[in-house]
Amino acid sequence: MLAELGGDASNFVARQLTSRIASSADLVLTMTRDQRDSVLEIAPRKLRNTFTLSEAACLTSKRDAQTISELAALRGRLVAEDFPDIPDPIGKGPAVFETVGAQIADHLSVVLELCRRSCDSLAD
């Protein structure tokens, strides 16, 4: 499915998230609130840069965040029901993987556009 969406996982290598990695990130995206909370346990100063993918997509599409820095300012306008966790498809059938993959792709396209705008605003 990744290749169908234009992705290439040939050089992908999983890494354990560390405080150092999280602390150096401009944006940390997780699939669930529990994962987001785990990131904040190891890098508590990254609250303004750590979101679930659904949360970041919702803040961008429904609350009109224009840059990454605006995400944190708008976070208080959301309720948990606005951005459900993305389910883990492990152990499920191909249809579930496809559904979850499509959900991630939809959210990611919105967040990638936000990242592009953030980079453009830094260049100005």
Protein backbone atom coordinates (compact mmCIF):
# COMPACT_ATOMS: atom_id res chain seq x y z
CA MET A 1 0.00 0.00 0.00
CA LEU A 2 2.86 2.41 0.76
CA ALA A 3 4.17 2.12 -2.79
CA GLU A 4 0.66 2.76 -4.15
CA LEU A 5 0.64 6.02 -2.21
CA GLY A 6 4.03 7.06 -3.60
CA GLY A 7 6.11 5.98 -0.61
CA ASP A 8 9.35 4.03 -0.55
CA ALA A 9 10.22 1.94 2.50
CA SER A 10 13.37 0.38 1.05
CA ASN A 11 15.70 2.36 3.34
CA PHE A 12 13.37 2.41 6.34
CA VAL A 13 14.89 1.34 9.64
CA ALA A 14 12.88 1.38 12.86
CA ARG A 15 14.48 3.19 15.81
CA GLN A 16 13.49 3.38 19.43
CA LEU A 17 12.41 6.93 20.26
CA THR A 18 14.82 8.53 22.70
CA SER A 19 14.76 11.81 24.57
CA ARG A 20 17.51 13.07 22.27
CA ILE A 21 15.57 12.26 19.08
CA ALA A 22 12.33 13.76 20.43
CA SER A 23 14.07 16.85 21.76
CA SER A 24 15.62 17.62 18.39
CA ALA A 25 12.37 17.22 16.43
CA ASP A 26 10.41 20.18 15.09
CA LEU A 27 7.25 18.06 15.07
CA VAL A 28 6.47 14.69 16.68
CA LEU A 29 3.41 12.82 15.42
CA THR A 30 1.94 9.72 17.03
CA MET A 31 -1.00 7.49 16.15
CA THR A 32 -2.59 7.52 19.63
CA ARG A 33 -2.92 9.75 22.67
CA ASP A 34 -1.13 7.12 24.78
CA GLN A 35 1.83 7.26 22.40
CA ARG A 36 1.79 11.06 22.56
CA ASP A 37 1.82 10.88 26.36
CA SER A 38 4.77 8.46 26.22
CA VAL A 39 6.72 10.92 24.08
CA LEU A 40 6.01 13.66 26.60
CA GLU A 41 7.25 11.46 29.43
CA ILE A 42 10.70 11.25 27.82
CA ALA A 43 10.68 14.81 26.40
CA PRO A 44 8.32 16.94 28.52
CA ARG A 45 9.52 20.20 26.97
CA LYS A 46 8.18 19.11 23.57
CA LEU A 47 4.49 19.61 24.42
CA ARG A 48 4.21 22.42 21.85
CA ASN A 49 5.57 20.11 19.14
CA THR A 50 3.93 16.75 19.95
CA PHE A 51 0.53 15.77 18.56
CA THR A 52 -1.37 12.76 17.39
CA LEU A 53 -1.61 12.67 13.60
CA SER A 54 -5.39 13.05 13.85
CA GLU A 55 -5.02 16.01 16.20
CA ALA A 56 -2.57 17.81 13.88
CA ALA A 57 -4.77 17.12 10.85
CA CYS A 58 -7.87 18.38 12.65
CA LEU A 59 -6.13 21.53 13.88
CA THR A 60 -5.03 22.20 10.32
CA SER A 61 -8.23 21.41 8.46
CA LYS A 62 -10.90 22.43 10.98
CA ARG A 63 -9.12 25.10 13.05
CA ASP A 64 -7.09 26.58 10.18
CA ALA A 65 -3.58 26.22 11.60
CA GLN A 66 -1.25 27.68 8.99
CA THR A 67 2.10 26.72 10.50
CA ILE A 68 3.47 24.17 12.96
CA SER A 69 3.85 26.90 15.59
CA GLU A 70 0.11 27.59 15.42
CA LEU A 71 -0.82 23.99 16.30
CA ALA A 72 -0.08 24.39 20.02
CA ALA A 73 -1.95 27.68 20.24
CA LEU A 74 -5.05 26.08 18.74
CA ARG A 75 -4.91 22.80 20.71
CA GLY A 76 -7.25 24.12 23.42
CA ARG A 77 -10.04 24.48 20.86
CA LEU A 78 -10.30 20.73 20.35
CA VAL A 79 -12.18 18.09 22.25
CA ALA A 80 -10.96 14.49 22.20
CA GLU A 81 -13.89 13.39 20.02
CA ASP A 82 -12.61 15.70 17.26
CA PHE A 83 -9.51 13.57 16.71
CA PRO A 84 -9.89 9.84 17.36
CA ASP A 85 -6.82 7.65 17.72
CA ILE A 86 -5.69 5.79 14.63
CA PRO A 87 -6.23 2.09 15.33
CA ASP A 88 -3.38 -0.40 15.25
CA PRO A 89 -4.05 -2.85 12.38
CA ILE A 90 -1.54 -5.48 13.59
CA GLY A 91 -3.19 -8.88 13.64
CA LYS A 92 -6.11 -7.72 11.53
CA GLY A 93 -6.96 -8.59 7.95
CA PRO A 94 -5.90 -6.77 4.77
CA ALA A 95 -9.10 -4.69 4.68
CA VAL A 96 -8.27 -3.16 8.08
CA PHE A 97 -4.71 -2.39 6.95
CA GLU A 98 -6.11 -0.72 3.86
CA THR A 99 -8.61 1.34 5.87
CA VAL A 100 -5.99 2.45 8.40
CA GLY A 101 -3.50 3.20 5.61
CA ALA A 102 -6.04 5.38 3.83
CA GLN A 103 -6.82 7.21 7.09
CA ILE A 104 -3.12 7.88 7.69
CA ALA A 105 -2.63 9.03 4.09
CA ASP A 106 -5.57 11.45 4.33
CA HIS A 107 -4.33 12.95 7.59
CA LEU A 108 -0.73 13.01 6.46
CA SER A 109 -1.47 14.95 3.28
CA VAL A 110 -3.02 17.74 5.37
CA VAL A 111 -0.12 17.79 7.83
CA LEU A 112 2.51 17.72 5.06
CA GLU A 113 0.90 20.79 3.52
CA LEU A 114 1.10 22.48 6.93
CA CYS A 115 4.81 21.56 7.11
CA ARG A 116 5.36 23.01 3.65
CA ARG A 117 3.72 26.28 4.69
CA SER A 118 5.82 26.34 7.88
CA CYS A 119 9.03 25.91 5.86
CA ASP A 120 7.91 28.61 3.40
CA SER A 121 7.22 31.05 6.24
CA LEU A 122 10.70 30.44 7.67
CA ALA A 123 12.25 31.16 4.26
CA ASP A 124 10.48 34.54 3.98
